[in-house]
N, C-alpha and C. Protein backbone atom coordinates (compact mmCIF):
# COMPACT_ATOMS: atom_id res chain seq x y z
N MET A 1 1.11 -1.54 -0.13
CA MET A 1 0.19 -0.18 -0.09
C MET A 1 1.28 1.36 0.09
N ASP A 2 0.63 2.17 -1.08
CA ASP A 2 1.62 2.90 -1.35
C ASP A 2 0.63 4.58 0.02
N ALA A 3 1.90 5.04 0.16
CA ALA A 3 1.55 6.59 1.13
C ALA A 3 1.03 7.45 0.10
N ASP A 4 0.83 7.37 -0.90
CA ASP A 4 0.23 8.82 -1.71
C ASP A 4 -1.28 8.25 -1.72
N VAL A 5 -1.66 6.62 -1.47
CA VAL A 5 -3.09 6.17 -1.30
C VAL A 5 -3.73 6.55 0.14
N VAL A 6 -2.95 6.72 0.95
CA VAL A 6 -3.27 6.32 2.18
C VAL A 6 -3.04 8.07 2.81
N ALA A 7 -2.64 8.55 2.49
CA ALA A 7 -2.63 10.19 2.98
C ALA A 7 -3.84 10.90 2.82
N PRO A 8 -4.13 11.21 1.31
CA PRO A 8 -5.61 11.75 0.75
C PRO A 8 -6.21 10.76 1.74
N LEU A 9 -6.31 9.47 2.10
CA LEU A 9 -7.81 8.84 2.76
C LEU A 9 -8.01 9.40 4.06
N LEU A 10 -6.05 9.34 5.11
CA LEU A 10 -6.37 10.09 6.51
C LEU A 10 -6.71 11.35 6.07
N VAL A 11 -6.24 12.06 5.73
CA VAL A 11 -6.68 13.59 5.55
C VAL A 11 -8.42 13.93 5.32
N ARG A 12 -8.68 13.50 4.42
CA ARG A 12 -10.44 13.04 4.20
C ARG A 12 -11.31 12.58 5.68
N VAL A 13 -10.49 11.43 6.08
CA VAL A 13 -11.31 11.04 7.47
C VAL A 13 -11.11 11.39 8.51
N VAL A 14 -10.03 12.29 8.69
CA VAL A 14 -10.28 12.69 9.93
C VAL A 14 -10.39 14.33 10.12
N VAL A 15 -10.41 14.95 8.84
CA VAL A 15 -11.56 16.29 8.57
C VAL A 15 -12.67 15.72 8.44
N GLY A 16 -12.83 14.99 7.86
CA GLY A 16 -14.93 14.56 8.02
C GLY A 16 -15.31 14.51 9.27
N ILE A 17 -14.59 13.37 10.20
CA ILE A 17 -15.09 13.22 11.55
C ILE A 17 -14.94 14.58 12.42
N THR A 18 -14.02 15.12 12.46
CA THR A 18 -13.71 16.83 12.70
C THR A 18 -15.16 17.36 12.63
N MET A 19 -15.58 17.69 11.11
CA MET A 19 -16.35 18.18 10.83
C MET A 19 -18.04 17.97 11.26
N ILE A 20 -17.95 16.23 11.23
CA ILE A 20 -19.02 15.66 11.83
C ILE A 20 -19.45 15.99 13.32
N ALA A 21 -18.26 15.86 14.10
CA ALA A 21 -18.42 15.99 15.51
C ALA A 21 -18.79 17.75 15.56
N HIS A 22 -18.25 18.80 14.68
CA HIS A 22 -18.45 20.03 15.13
C HIS A 22 -19.69 20.46 14.94
N GLY A 23 -20.15 19.86 13.58
CA GLY A 23 -21.80 19.89 13.50
C GLY A 23 -22.57 19.48 14.58
N TYR A 24 -22.70 17.99 14.92
CA TYR A 24 -23.23 17.54 15.95
C TYR A 24 -23.00 18.31 17.14
N ASN A 25 -22.19 18.96 17.72
CA ASN A 25 -21.71 19.46 18.73
C ASN A 25 -22.74 20.91 18.34
N HIS A 26 -22.53 21.69 17.67
CA HIS A 26 -23.69 22.78 17.07
C HIS A 26 -25.43 22.41 17.23
N TRP A 27 -25.41 20.82 16.87
CA TRP A 27 -26.66 20.66 17.27
C TRP A 27 -27.90 20.13 18.46
N ARG A 28 -26.04 19.28 18.88
CA ARG A 28 -26.68 18.75 20.28
C ARG A 28 -25.89 18.99 21.64
N GLY A 29 -24.99 19.61 21.42
CA GLY A 29 -23.93 19.90 22.40
C GLY A 29 -24.50 21.33 23.33
N GLY A 30 -23.74 21.04 24.25
CA GLY A 30 -23.63 22.69 25.26
C GLY A 30 -25.42 23.07 25.29
N GLY A 31 -25.48 23.96 24.61
CA GLY A 31 -27.08 24.39 24.35
C GLY A 31 -27.55 24.39 23.46
N GLY A 32 -26.95 23.36 22.74
CA GLY A 32 -28.09 22.87 21.36
C GLY A 32 -28.21 24.35 20.24
N ILE A 33 -28.60 23.79 19.12
CA ILE A 33 -29.76 24.69 18.62
C ILE A 33 -29.70 26.43 19.03
N GLN A 34 -30.23 26.00 19.85
CA GLN A 34 -30.59 27.32 20.44
C GLN A 34 -29.35 28.41 21.04
N GLY A 35 -28.68 27.50 21.45
CA GLY A 35 -27.09 28.01 22.22
C GLY A 35 -26.32 28.56 20.83
N THR A 36 -26.47 27.68 20.01
CA THR A 36 -25.62 28.05 18.83
C THR A 36 -26.49 29.21 18.05
N ALA A 37 -27.55 29.39 17.97
CA ALA A 37 -28.39 30.30 17.11
C ALA A 37 -27.67 31.70 18.13
N ARG A 38 -27.73 31.53 19.38
CA ARG A 38 -28.04 32.89 20.46
C ARG A 38 -26.24 33.09 20.28
N TRP A 39 -25.32 32.32 19.89
CA TRP A 39 -23.38 32.29 19.50
C TRP A 39 -23.48 33.09 18.58
N PHE A 40 -24.31 32.91 17.15
CA PHE A 40 -24.40 33.03 15.67
C PHE A 40 -24.94 34.55 15.96
N THR A 41 -25.59 34.43 16.52
CA THR A 41 -26.28 36.42 16.38
C THR A 41 -25.59 36.91 16.86
N GLY A 42 -24.73 36.46 18.37
CA GLY A 42 -23.68 37.57 19.08
C GLY A 42 -22.39 37.94 18.06
N LEU A 43 -22.16 37.13 16.96
CA LEU A 43 -21.31 37.43 16.39
C LEU A 43 -21.39 38.59 15.08
N GLY A 44 -22.76 38.87 15.49
CA GLY A 44 -23.70 39.75 14.33
C GLY A 44 -24.48 39.02 13.16
N LEU A 45 -24.92 37.93 13.22
CA LEU A 45 -25.62 37.75 11.86
C LEU A 45 -27.03 37.50 12.02
N ARG A 46 -27.31 37.73 11.45
CA ARG A 46 -29.05 37.47 11.73
C ARG A 46 -29.88 36.55 11.34
N GLN A 47 -30.88 36.08 11.94
CA GLN A 47 -31.83 34.89 11.72
C GLN A 47 -30.45 33.86 12.47
N GLY A 48 -30.20 33.61 13.63
CA GLY A 48 -29.56 33.06 14.31
C GLY A 48 -29.72 31.35 13.90
N THR A 49 -30.80 31.12 14.33
CA THR A 49 -31.58 29.61 14.39
C THR A 49 -31.50 29.14 13.15
N LEU A 50 -31.46 29.74 11.62
CA LEU A 50 -31.52 29.76 10.41
C LEU A 50 -29.51 29.20 10.51
N GLN A 51 -29.50 30.47 10.67
CA GLN A 51 -27.57 30.04 10.56
C GLN A 51 -27.34 28.56 11.19
N ALA A 52 -27.57 28.57 12.57
CA ALA A 52 -27.20 27.44 13.30
C ALA A 52 -27.71 26.17 12.90
N TRP A 53 -29.14 25.76 11.90
CA TRP A 53 -29.42 24.70 11.03
C TRP A 53 -28.38 24.79 10.22
N MET A 54 -27.98 25.85 9.47
CA MET A 54 -27.26 25.54 7.86
C MET A 54 -25.70 25.25 8.64
N SER A 55 -25.45 25.71 9.56
CA SER A 55 -23.70 25.19 9.76
C SER A 55 -23.98 23.98 10.02
N VAL A 56 -25.10 22.95 10.98
CA VAL A 56 -25.07 22.12 11.37
C VAL A 56 -25.01 21.14 10.03
N LEU A 57 -25.80 21.57 8.87
CA LEU A 57 -25.97 20.64 7.77
C LEU A 57 -25.37 20.70 6.87
N THR A 58 -24.28 21.75 6.69
CA THR A 58 -22.95 21.90 6.15
C THR A 58 -21.71 21.36 7.00
N GLU A 59 -21.91 21.54 8.21
CA GLU A 59 -20.47 20.82 8.79
C GLU A 59 -20.96 19.61 8.67
N ILE A 60 -21.96 18.50 9.08
CA ILE A 60 -22.15 17.10 8.68
C ILE A 60 -22.11 16.56 7.60
N GLY A 61 -22.81 17.27 6.65
CA GLY A 61 -22.30 17.19 5.26
C GLY A 61 -21.47 16.99 4.26
N ALA A 62 -20.59 18.05 4.52
CA ALA A 62 -19.32 18.34 3.84
C ALA A 62 -18.19 16.93 4.85
N GLY A 63 -18.55 16.74 6.16
CA GLY A 63 -18.18 15.51 6.66
C GLY A 63 -18.18 14.45 5.84
N VAL A 64 -19.18 14.41 5.84
CA VAL A 64 -19.88 12.75 5.43
C VAL A 64 -19.55 12.47 3.39
N LEU A 65 -19.15 13.57 3.18
CA LEU A 65 -18.94 13.62 1.63
C LEU A 65 -17.59 13.62 1.70
N LEU A 66 -16.56 13.91 2.44
CA LEU A 66 -15.21 13.80 2.67
C LEU A 66 -15.04 12.76 2.96
N ILE A 67 -15.56 12.24 3.71
CA ILE A 67 -15.42 10.67 4.34
C ILE A 67 -15.01 9.85 3.13
N ILE A 68 -16.59 9.62 2.44
CA ILE A 68 -16.50 9.20 1.17
C ILE A 68 -15.45 9.52 -0.28
N GLY A 69 -15.30 10.35 -0.06
CA GLY A 69 -14.55 10.81 -1.01
C GLY A 69 -15.75 10.90 -2.38
N LEU A 70 -16.84 11.76 -1.90
CA LEU A 70 -17.61 12.68 -3.15
C LEU A 70 -17.70 13.64 -3.51
N LEU A 71 -17.78 14.27 -4.73
CA LEU A 71 -17.74 15.75 -4.44
C LEU A 71 -16.47 16.23 -4.04
N THR A 72 -15.59 16.14 -3.72
CA THR A 72 -14.63 15.97 -2.66
C THR A 72 -14.41 18.42 -3.21
N PRO A 73 -13.91 17.98 -4.23
CA PRO A 73 -13.83 19.77 -4.25
C PRO A 73 -15.07 20.66 -3.32
N LEU A 74 -16.56 20.27 -3.30
CA LEU A 74 -17.09 21.07 -3.24
C LEU A 74 -17.15 21.20 -1.46
N ALA A 75 -16.96 19.33 -1.34
CA ALA A 75 -16.86 19.16 0.18
C ALA A 75 -15.62 20.44 1.09
N CYS A 76 -14.98 20.08 0.24
CA CYS A 76 -14.01 21.36 0.59
C CYS A 76 -14.30 22.29 0.64
N ALA A 77 -15.04 23.05 -0.59
CA ALA A 77 -15.38 24.35 -0.36
C ALA A 77 -16.17 24.87 0.85
N ALA A 78 -17.37 23.88 1.43
CA ALA A 78 -17.83 24.18 2.36
C ALA A 78 -17.17 23.57 3.46
N VAL A 79 -16.43 23.11 4.01
CA VAL A 79 -15.21 23.43 5.21
C VAL A 79 -14.58 24.80 4.65
N ILE A 80 -14.00 25.30 3.89
CA ILE A 80 -13.48 25.90 3.39
C ILE A 80 -14.07 27.75 3.88
N SER A 81 -15.30 27.66 3.37
CA SER A 81 -16.16 28.68 3.80
C SER A 81 -16.48 28.51 5.47
N VAL A 82 -17.02 27.75 5.99
CA VAL A 82 -17.36 27.41 7.36
C VAL A 82 -15.98 28.16 8.34
N MET A 83 -14.81 27.66 8.05
CA MET A 83 -13.60 27.91 8.58
C MET A 83 -13.53 29.87 8.43
N LEU A 84 -14.24 30.17 6.55
CA LEU A 84 -13.61 31.52 6.95
C LEU A 84 -14.55 32.61 7.21
N VAL A 85 -15.79 32.06 7.72
CA VAL A 85 -16.81 32.87 8.27
C VAL A 85 -16.42 32.62 10.12
N ALA A 86 -15.88 31.63 10.12
CA ALA A 86 -15.49 31.35 11.62
C ALA A 86 -14.21 31.95 12.26
N GLY A 87 -13.27 31.86 11.18
CA GLY A 87 -12.44 33.18 11.47
C GLY A 87 -12.63 34.19 10.80
N LEU A 88 -13.42 34.73 10.21
CA LEU A 88 -13.51 36.56 10.25
C LEU A 88 -14.49 36.99 11.45
N LEU A 89 -15.48 35.78 11.93
CA LEU A 89 -16.53 36.41 12.69
C LEU A 89 -15.78 36.44 14.77
N ALA A 90 -15.10 35.00 14.33
CA ALA A 90 -15.11 34.53 15.97
C ALA A 90 -13.74 34.54 16.08
N HIS A 91 -12.87 34.39 15.62
CA HIS A 91 -11.26 34.19 15.79
C HIS A 91 -10.45 34.98 15.42
N ARG A 92 -10.69 36.01 14.52
CA ARG A 92 -9.94 36.99 14.15
C ARG A 92 -8.97 38.18 15.19
N LYS A 93 -10.00 38.44 15.91
CA LYS A 93 -10.01 39.71 16.74
C LYS A 93 -9.00 38.77 17.89
N ASN A 94 -8.76 37.72 18.22
CA ASN A 94 -8.28 37.41 19.27
C ASN A 94 -6.90 36.90 18.87
N GLY A 95 -5.99 36.72 17.29
CA GLY A 95 -4.94 36.64 17.08
C GLY A 95 -5.00 35.40 16.82
N PHE A 96 -3.22 34.51 16.52
CA PHE A 96 -3.20 33.36 16.01
C PHE A 96 -3.26 32.38 16.95
N PHE A 97 -3.38 32.42 17.71
CA PHE A 97 -3.16 30.81 18.97
C PHE A 97 -4.33 30.35 19.20
N VAL A 98 -4.87 29.05 18.97
CA VAL A 98 -5.83 28.97 19.40
C VAL A 98 -6.40 28.63 20.90
N PHE A 99 -5.10 28.31 21.62
CA PHE A 99 -5.47 28.79 22.93
C PHE A 99 -5.89 29.76 23.26
N LYS A 100 -5.57 30.57 23.00
CA LYS A 100 -6.48 32.25 22.79
C LYS A 100 -7.19 32.75 22.44
N ASP A 101 -8.29 31.61 21.64
CA ASP A 101 -9.48 31.34 20.87
C ASP A 101 -9.22 32.10 19.59
N GLY A 102 -7.72 32.15 19.20
CA GLY A 102 -7.43 32.66 17.75
C GLY A 102 -8.03 31.91 16.63
N TYR A 103 -7.67 31.60 15.57
CA TYR A 103 -7.63 31.87 13.94
C TYR A 103 -6.53 30.40 13.80
N GLU A 104 -5.84 29.88 14.39
CA GLU A 104 -4.86 28.51 14.44
C GLU A 104 -5.54 27.83 13.38
N TYR A 105 -6.47 27.17 14.27
CA TYR A 105 -7.22 25.71 14.10
C TYR A 105 -8.20 26.09 12.95
N VAL A 106 -9.26 26.71 12.54
CA VAL A 106 -9.61 26.94 11.41
C VAL A 106 -9.02 27.47 10.43
N LEU A 107 -7.84 27.82 9.92
CA LEU A 107 -6.79 28.22 9.21
C LEU A 107 -6.18 27.28 8.62
N VAL A 108 -6.08 26.05 9.97
CA VAL A 108 -5.19 24.57 8.94
C VAL A 108 -6.33 23.69 8.73
N LEU A 109 -7.50 24.05 9.03
CA LEU A 109 -8.63 23.17 8.34
C LEU A 109 -9.21 23.40 7.16
N ALA A 110 -8.96 25.36 6.96
CA ALA A 110 -9.34 25.49 5.44
C ALA A 110 -8.40 25.09 4.68
N VAL A 111 -6.61 25.05 5.01
CA VAL A 111 -5.91 25.05 4.16
C VAL A 111 -5.75 23.50 3.47
N ALA A 112 -6.15 22.68 4.71
CA ALA A 112 -5.82 21.18 4.83
C ALA A 112 -7.25 20.56 3.58
N CYS A 113 -8.24 21.59 3.55
CA CYS A 113 -9.00 21.73 2.69
C CYS A 113 -8.69 21.54 1.25
N LEU A 114 -8.26 22.86 1.39
CA LEU A 114 -7.52 23.40 -0.16
C LEU A 114 -6.84 22.53 -0.76
N ALA A 115 -5.77 22.17 -0.17
CA ALA A 115 -4.75 21.01 -0.29
C ALA A 115 -5.12 19.75 -1.17
N LEU A 116 -5.95 19.28 -0.10
CA LEU A 116 -6.79 17.96 -0.56
C LEU A 116 -7.60 18.14 -2.03
N ALA A 117 -8.62 19.11 -2.32
CA ALA A 117 -9.17 19.60 -3.17
C ALA A 117 -8.08 19.81 -4.41
N MET A 118 -6.53 20.33 -4.36
CA MET A 118 -5.40 20.21 -5.23
C MET A 118 -5.10 18.73 -5.20
N THR A 119 -5.03 18.02 -4.81
CA THR A 119 -4.13 16.66 -4.67
C THR A 119 -5.02 15.60 -4.85
N GLY A 120 -6.52 16.38 -4.93
CA GLY A 120 -7.86 14.95 -4.88
C GLY A 120 -8.14 14.00 -3.94
N PRO A 121 -9.22 13.38 -3.91
CA PRO A 121 -9.33 12.47 -2.92
C PRO A 121 -8.73 11.10 -2.63
N GLY A 122 -7.86 10.81 -3.09
CA GLY A 122 -6.93 9.65 -3.78
C GLY A 122 -7.75 8.40 -4.33
N ASP A 123 -7.07 7.47 -4.14
CA ASP A 123 -7.80 6.03 -4.85
C ASP A 123 -8.62 5.57 -4.41
N TRP A 124 -8.79 5.66 -3.25
CA TRP A 124 -10.54 4.79 -2.32
C TRP A 124 -10.91 5.93 -2.13
N SER A 125 -11.85 6.67 -3.02
CA SER A 125 -12.75 7.40 -2.68
C SER A 125 -13.92 6.75 -3.87
N VAL A 126 -14.82 7.54 -3.50
CA VAL A 126 -16.33 7.69 -4.52
C VAL A 126 -16.30 8.32 -5.75
N ASP A 127 -15.33 9.47 -6.23
CA ASP A 127 -14.99 10.25 -6.93
C ASP A 127 -13.90 9.27 -8.40
N GLU A 128 -13.09 8.30 -7.48
CA GLU A 128 -11.80 7.95 -8.17
C GLU A 128 -13.05 6.77 -8.87
N ALA A 129 -13.40 6.00 -7.63
CA ALA A 129 -14.47 5.20 -8.56
C ALA A 129 -15.19 5.10 -9.64
N ALA A 130 -15.96 6.62 -9.86
CA ALA A 130 -16.99 6.82 -10.72
C ALA A 130 -16.19 7.97 -11.68
N ASP A 131 -14.98 7.52 -11.67
CA ASP A 131 -14.25 8.67 -12.55
C ASP A 131 -14.62 10.10 -12.39
N ILE A 132 -14.64 10.92 -11.55
CA ILE A 132 -15.27 12.40 -11.61
C ILE A 132 -14.72 13.07 -10.88
N ALA A 133 -13.15 12.44 -10.27
CA ALA A 133 -12.53 13.42 -9.44
C ALA A 133 -12.15 14.78 -10.23
N VAL A 134 -12.06 15.60 -9.67
CA VAL A 134 -11.42 16.94 -9.99
C VAL A 134 -10.22 17.50 -9.75
N THR A 135 -9.05 17.38 -9.89
CA THR A 135 -7.60 17.54 -8.97
C THR A 135 -6.93 18.71 -9.60
N GLY A 136 -5.50 19.15 -9.19
CA GLY A 136 -4.92 20.25 -9.72
C GLY A 136 -5.35 21.70 -9.11
N TRP A 137 -4.94 22.42 -10.31
CA TRP A 137 -5.12 23.67 -10.18
C TRP A 137 -7.01 23.98 -10.33
N ALA A 138 -7.27 22.89 -10.97
CA ALA A 138 -9.28 22.95 -11.27
C ALA A 138 -9.86 22.66 -9.70
N GLY A 139 -9.27 21.56 -9.42
CA GLY A 139 -10.22 21.37 -7.95
C GLY A 139 -9.02 22.39 -6.87
N GLY A 140 -8.30 22.96 -7.28
CA GLY A 140 -8.27 24.07 -5.94
C GLY A 140 -9.23 25.45 -6.53
N ALA A 141 -9.22 26.11 -7.57
CA ALA A 141 -9.97 26.61 -8.30
C ALA A 141 -11.70 26.33 -7.36
N ILE A 142 -12.15 25.29 -7.65
CA ILE A 142 -13.67 25.02 -7.50
C ILE A 142 -13.60 25.01 -6.22
N ALA A 143 -13.18 24.46 -5.07
CA ALA A 143 -13.03 25.03 -3.90
C ALA A 143 -12.76 26.10 -3.40
N LEU A 144 -11.87 26.85 -3.23
CA LEU A 144 -11.68 28.30 -2.98
C LEU A 144 -12.64 29.50 -3.56
N GLY A 145 -12.92 28.94 -4.57
CA GLY A 145 -13.61 29.66 -5.81
C GLY A 145 -14.57 29.88 -4.99
N ILE A 146 -15.75 28.47 -4.98
CA ILE A 146 -16.88 28.54 -4.30
C ILE A 146 -17.06 28.74 -2.59
N ALA A 147 -15.95 28.83 -2.49
CA ALA A 147 -16.00 29.19 -0.70
C ALA A 147 -15.81 30.66 -0.78
N LEU A 148 -15.07 30.82 -1.11
CA LEU A 148 -15.63 32.75 -1.30
C LEU A 148 -16.47 33.42 -1.33
N ILE A 149 -17.67 32.69 -2.76
CA ILE A 149 -18.52 33.18 -3.29
C ILE A 149 -19.22 32.83 -2.08
N ALA A 150 -19.59 31.98 -1.14
CA ALA A 150 -20.48 31.45 -0.67
C ALA A 150 -20.05 32.32 0.71
N THR A 151 -19.00 32.66 1.65
CA THR A 151 -18.93 33.13 2.40
C THR A 151 -19.19 34.44 2.33
N ALA A 152 -19.16 35.25 0.93
CA ALA A 152 -19.25 36.17 0.84
C ALA A 152 -20.78 37.07 1.01
N GLY A 153 -21.17 35.50 0.07
CA GLY A 153 -22.76 36.02 -0.28
C GLY A 153 -23.56 35.69 1.30
N LEU A 154 -22.82 34.75 2.22
CA LEU A 154 -23.17 34.47 3.66
C LEU A 154 -23.16 36.06 4.77
N LEU A 155 -21.68 36.68 4.68
CA LEU A 155 -22.04 37.74 4.79
C LEU A 155 -22.45 38.93 4.50
N ALA A 156 -22.71 39.21 3.12
CA ALA A 156 -23.06 40.19 2.49
C ALA A 156 -24.92 40.28 2.43
N THR A 157 -25.24 39.08 2.92
CA THR A 157 -26.82 38.82 3.19
C THR A 157 -27.47 38.76 4.89
N PHE A 158 -26.56 38.22 5.56
CA PHE A 158 -26.66 37.95 7.18
C PHE A 158 -26.08 38.84 8.00
N TRP A 159 -24.61 38.92 7.76
CA TRP A 159 -23.91 39.83 8.92
C TRP A 159 -24.33 41.51 8.72
N ARG A 160 -24.62 41.60 9.98
CA ARG A 160 -25.03 42.65 10.34
C ARG A 160 -24.20 43.34 12.16
N PRO A 161 -23.19 43.53 12.12
CA PRO A 161 -22.47 43.56 13.34
C PRO A 161 -23.04 44.78 13.90
N GLN A 162 -23.13 44.95 15.37
CA GLN A 162 -23.47 46.01 16.39
C GLN A 162 -22.66 47.34 15.86
N PRO A 163 -22.62 48.09 16.32
CA PRO A 163 -21.34 49.19 16.00
C PRO A 163 -21.14 49.29 17.68
N GLN A 164 -19.75 49.35 17.84
CA GLN A 164 -19.23 49.48 18.99
C GLN A 164 -19.77 50.38 20.26
N GLN A 165 -19.55 50.15 21.28
CA GLN A 165 -20.44 51.33 22.35
C GLN A 165 -18.96 51.54 23.04
N GLU A 166 -19.20 52.89 22.77
CA GLU A 166 -17.72 53.67 23.76
C GLU A 166 -17.76 53.87 25.28
N GLU A 167 -16.75 53.23 25.90
CA GLU A 167 -16.52 52.90 27.17
C GLU A 167 -16.91 54.58 28.13
N VAL A 168 -17.69 54.94 28.73
CA VAL A 168 -17.40 55.96 29.69
C VAL A 168 -17.00 55.56 30.74
N GLY A 169 -15.93 56.20 30.92
CA GLY A 169 -15.33 55.92 32.16
C GLY A 169 -14.11 57.11 32.85
């Protein structure tokens, strides 16, 4: 068994499981959908409940697609977009390091998915079995292009941050 066969499978499965767990946590963990909706609303997103459900469906759906290696550039685009939104709205202001709630974690997941879209899902994937794998610059362009468009569309449609209040002291 060659490393170039196992490597994309490892990335797909680990990122896929991570995304499924993340989506499940938004759905059933902590405060559930309502807690996730309040958090998204606090980040400046309108229609928090809709955002929470869309996040759950996107994260779980992209995770499943990654694990089986189906429509890999689109699954990667979904992960990249979710990570861009999280990075921009929740983590950017905290700096780089994840232990300070920074964007380190979301950056790694997004770049891993961009690299996966470029290298392809590997031999052990539905894309490869069905002969529909899109790789190289085309796979990367599809993943990044769709992610950027989706992120811009979401932010333009739903993001309405509250103006900062000046502290009187």
